[in-house]
Amino acid sequence: MNLGIIASLGYGFLAIVGGIIGYILSTSNVSLLSGCISGVLLLFAAYLQFQGIIWGLILAALVTAVLVVVFALRLAKTRKFMPAGLMLFFGVLTLAVMVNQLMASIISQ
């Protein structure tokens, strides 16, 4: 199992759990829906990567990039580390791992 799969799984679970916590704490349906959709997409992307399909890594990188932008905007607006700063930090870290895996797979072909 490579780092791209691990990063997709970890950030996917984090997105789902964050969406559920956001719903519980503030009854935000948007948090629940967006967290679950993005988390499931990341878990599906991890499954595709595990099957050896390169599109899984591309899907994971795109979903993560969108989440990074969303959480960067939210952090700039609220100036609160939780949850936007935490998700932004892990999103940037996850995106860096995914881009590294993409570049390695492109170079090896």
C-alpha atoms as a PDB file:
ATOM      1  CA  MET A   1       0.000   0.000   0.000  1.00  0.00           C
ATOM      2  CA  ASN A   2       1.532   3.316  -1.058  1.00  0.00           C
ATOM      3  CA  LEU A   3       1.327   6.713   0.601  1.00  0.00           C
ATOM      4  CA  GLY A   4      -1.312   7.989  -1.820  1.00  0.00           C
ATOM      5  CA  ILE A   5      -3.743   5.311  -0.679  1.00  0.00           C
ATOM      6  CA  ILE A   6      -3.001   5.950   2.988  1.00  0.00           C
ATOM      7  CA  ALA A   7      -3.411   9.718   2.529  1.00  0.00           C
ATOM      8  CA  SER A   8      -6.722   9.245   0.682  1.00  0.00           C
ATOM      9  CA  LEU A   9      -8.051   6.911   3.363  1.00  0.00           C
ATOM     10  CA  GLY A  10      -6.944   9.145   6.229  1.00  0.00           C
ATOM     11  CA  TYR A  11      -8.272  12.390   4.798  1.00  0.00           C
ATOM     12  CA  GLY A  12     -11.472  10.662   3.667  1.00  0.00           C
ATOM     13  CA  PHE A  13     -12.192   9.384   7.173  1.00  0.00           C
ATOM     14  CA  LEU A  14     -11.265  12.789   8.610  1.00  0.00           C
ATOM     15  CA  ALA A  15     -13.737  14.499   6.248  1.00  0.00           C
ATOM     16  CA  ILE A  16     -16.549  12.112   7.181  1.00  0.00           C
ATOM     17  CA  VAL A  17     -15.908  12.404  10.919  1.00  0.00           C
ATOM     18  CA  GLY A  18     -15.604  16.192  10.617  1.00  0.00           C
ATOM     19  CA  GLY A  19     -18.913  16.394   8.787  1.00  0.00           C
ATOM     20  CA  ILE A  20     -20.619  14.306  11.451  1.00  0.00           C
ATOM     21  CA  ILE A  21     -19.111  16.376  14.271  1.00  0.00           C
ATOM     22  CA  GLY A  22     -20.134  19.592  12.497  1.00  0.00           C
ATOM     23  CA  TYR A  23     -23.681  18.295  12.266  1.00  0.00           C
ATOM     24  CA  ILE A  24     -23.774  17.258  15.924  1.00  0.00           C
ATOM     25  CA  LEU A  25     -22.320  20.514  17.258  1.00  0.00           C
ATOM     26  CA  SER A  26     -24.191  22.997  15.092  1.00  0.00           C
ATOM     27  CA  THR A  27     -26.888  20.916  13.353  1.00  0.00           C
ATOM     28  CA  SER A  28     -25.348  21.928  10.038  1.00  0.00           C
ATOM     29  CA  ASN A  29     -26.778  19.809   7.249  1.00  0.00           C
ATOM     30  CA  VAL A  30     -24.233  21.332   4.865  1.00  0.00           C
ATOM     31  CA  SER A  31     -21.346  20.062   7.019  1.00  0.00           C
ATOM     32  CA  LEU A  32     -22.824  16.586   7.142  1.00  0.00           C
ATOM     33  CA  LEU A  33     -23.562  16.422   3.423  1.00  0.00           C
ATOM     34  CA  SER A  34     -20.289  17.911   2.204  1.00  0.00           C
ATOM     35  CA  GLY A  35     -18.212  15.921   4.688  1.00  0.00           C
ATOM     36  CA  CYS A  36     -19.848  12.645   3.744  1.00  0.00           C
ATOM     37  CA  ILE A  37     -19.750  13.264  -0.009  1.00  0.00           C
ATOM     38  CA  SER A  38     -16.113  14.355  -0.065  1.00  0.00           C
ATOM     39  CA  GLY A  39     -15.136  11.592   2.367  1.00  0.00           C
ATOM     40  CA  VAL A  40     -16.851   8.886   0.316  1.00  0.00           C
ATOM     41  CA  LEU A  41     -15.227  10.230  -2.861  1.00  0.00           C
ATOM     42  CA  LEU A  42     -11.818  10.046  -1.187  1.00  0.00           C
ATOM     43  CA  LEU A  43     -12.470   6.508   0.053  1.00  0.00           C
ATOM     44  CA  PHE A  44     -13.603   5.496  -3.435  1.00  0.00           C
ATOM     45  CA  ALA A  45     -10.451   7.080  -4.858  1.00  0.00           C
ATOM     46  CA  ALA A  46      -8.368   5.058  -2.387  1.00  0.00           C
ATOM     47  CA  TYR A  47     -10.144   1.897  -3.552  1.00  0.00           C
ATOM     48  CA  LEU A  48      -9.373   2.745  -7.187  1.00  0.00           C
ATOM     49  CA  GLN A  49      -5.743   3.355  -6.301  1.00  0.00           C
ATOM     50  CA  PHE A  50      -5.601   0.017  -4.501  1.00  0.00           C
ATOM     51  CA  GLN A  51      -6.880  -1.609  -7.705  1.00  0.00           C
ATOM     52  CA  GLY A  52      -4.023   0.036  -9.609  1.00  0.00           C
ATOM     53  CA  ILE A  53      -6.148   2.599 -11.445  1.00  0.00           C
ATOM     54  CA  ILE A  54      -4.264   5.899 -11.740  1.00  0.00           C
ATOM     55  CA  TRP A  55      -7.522   7.870 -12.009  1.00  0.00           C
ATOM     56  CA  GLY A  56      -8.098   7.129  -8.331  1.00  0.00           C
ATOM     57  CA  LEU A  57      -5.084   9.223  -7.395  1.00  0.00           C
ATOM     58  CA  ILE A  58      -6.166  12.011  -9.738  1.00  0.00           C
ATOM     59  CA  LEU A  59      -9.695  11.983  -8.263  1.00  0.00           C
ATOM     60  CA  ALA A  60      -8.281  12.076  -4.731  1.00  0.00           C
ATOM     61  CA  ALA A  61      -5.995  14.980  -5.602  1.00  0.00           C
ATOM     62  CA  LEU A  62      -8.856  16.960  -7.166  1.00  0.00           C
ATOM     63  CA  VAL A  63     -11.199  16.414  -4.223  1.00  0.00           C
ATOM     64  CA  THR A  64      -8.431  17.306  -1.783  1.00  0.00           C
ATOM     65  CA  ALA A  65      -7.531  20.447  -3.744  1.00  0.00           C
ATOM     66  CA  VAL A  66     -11.154  21.606  -3.659  1.00  0.00           C
ATOM     67  CA  LEU A  67     -11.310  20.977   0.087  1.00  0.00           C
ATOM     68  CA  VAL A  68      -8.049  22.893   0.628  1.00  0.00           C
ATOM     69  CA  VAL A  69      -9.488  25.930  -1.170  1.00  0.00           C
ATOM     70  CA  VAL A  70     -12.778  25.714   0.745  1.00  0.00           C
ATOM     71  CA  PHE A  71     -11.059  25.450   4.121  1.00  0.00           C
ATOM     72  CA  ALA A  72      -8.553  28.198   3.271  1.00  0.00           C
ATOM     73  CA  LEU A  73     -11.422  30.541   2.484  1.00  0.00           C
ATOM     74  CA  ARG A  74     -13.258  29.491   5.633  1.00  0.00           C
ATOM     75  CA  LEU A  75     -10.130  30.019   7.773  1.00  0.00           C
ATOM     76  CA  ALA A  76      -9.601  33.471   6.253  1.00  0.00           C
ATOM     77  CA  LYS A  77     -13.216  34.360   7.007  1.00  0.00           C
ATOM     78  CA  THR A  78     -13.558  32.987  10.552  1.00  0.00           C
ATOM     79  CA  ARG A  79      -9.938  33.140  11.784  1.00  0.00           C
ATOM     80  CA  LYS A  80     -10.689  30.021  13.862  1.00  0.00           C
ATOM     81  CA  PHE A  81      -8.304  27.078  13.749  1.00  0.00           C
ATOM     82  CA  MET A  82     -11.010  24.533  14.477  1.00  0.00           C
ATOM     83  CA  PRO A  83     -12.145  23.032  12.164  1.00  0.00           C
ATOM     84  CA  ALA A  84     -10.953  25.012   9.126  1.00  0.00           C
ATOM     85  CA  GLY A  85      -7.307  25.326  10.124  1.00  0.00           C
ATOM     86  CA  LEU A  86      -6.997  21.671  11.054  1.00  0.00           C
ATOM     87  CA  MET A  87      -8.601  20.489   7.822  1.00  0.00           C
ATOM     88  CA  LEU A  88      -6.475  22.949   5.849  1.00  0.00           C
ATOM     89  CA  PHE A  89      -3.279  21.690   7.485  1.00  0.00           C
ATOM     90  CA  PHE A  90      -4.062  18.027   6.835  1.00  0.00           C
ATOM     91  CA  GLY A  91      -5.409  18.844   3.369  1.00  0.00           C
ATOM     92  CA  VAL A  92      -2.183  20.550   2.297  1.00  0.00           C
ATOM     93  CA  LEU A  93      -0.162  17.662   3.720  1.00  0.00           C
ATOM     94  CA  THR A  94      -2.379  15.128   1.945  1.00  0.00           C
ATOM     95  CA  LEU A  95      -2.253  17.052  -1.322  1.00  0.00           C
ATOM     96  CA  ALA A  96       1.541  17.210  -1.173  1.00  0.00           C
ATOM     97  CA  VAL A  97       1.706  13.418  -0.764  1.00  0.00           C
ATOM     98  CA  MET A  98      -0.721  12.895  -3.652  1.00  0.00           C
ATOM     99  CA  VAL A  99       1.100  15.262  -6.001  1.00  0.00           C
ATOM    100  CA  ASN A 100       4.359  13.502  -5.119  1.00  0.00           C
ATOM    101  CA  GLN A 101       2.769  10.134  -5.965  1.00  0.00           C
ATOM    102  CA  LEU A 102       1.385  11.531  -9.230  1.00  0.00           C
ATOM    103  CA  MET A 103       4.761  12.897 -10.259  1.00  0.00           C
ATOM    104  CA  ALA A 104       6.459   9.599  -9.391  1.00  0.00           C
ATOM    105  CA  SER A 105       3.938   7.629 -11.468  1.00  0.00           C
ATOM    106  CA  ILE A 106       4.318  10.000 -14.422  1.00  0.00           C
ATOM    107  CA  ILE A 107       8.105   9.802 -14.328  1.00  0.00           C
ATOM    108  CA  SER A 108       8.094   6.001 -14.064  1.00  0.00           C
ATOM    109  CA  GLN A 109       5.994   5.610 -17.218  1.00  0.00           C
END
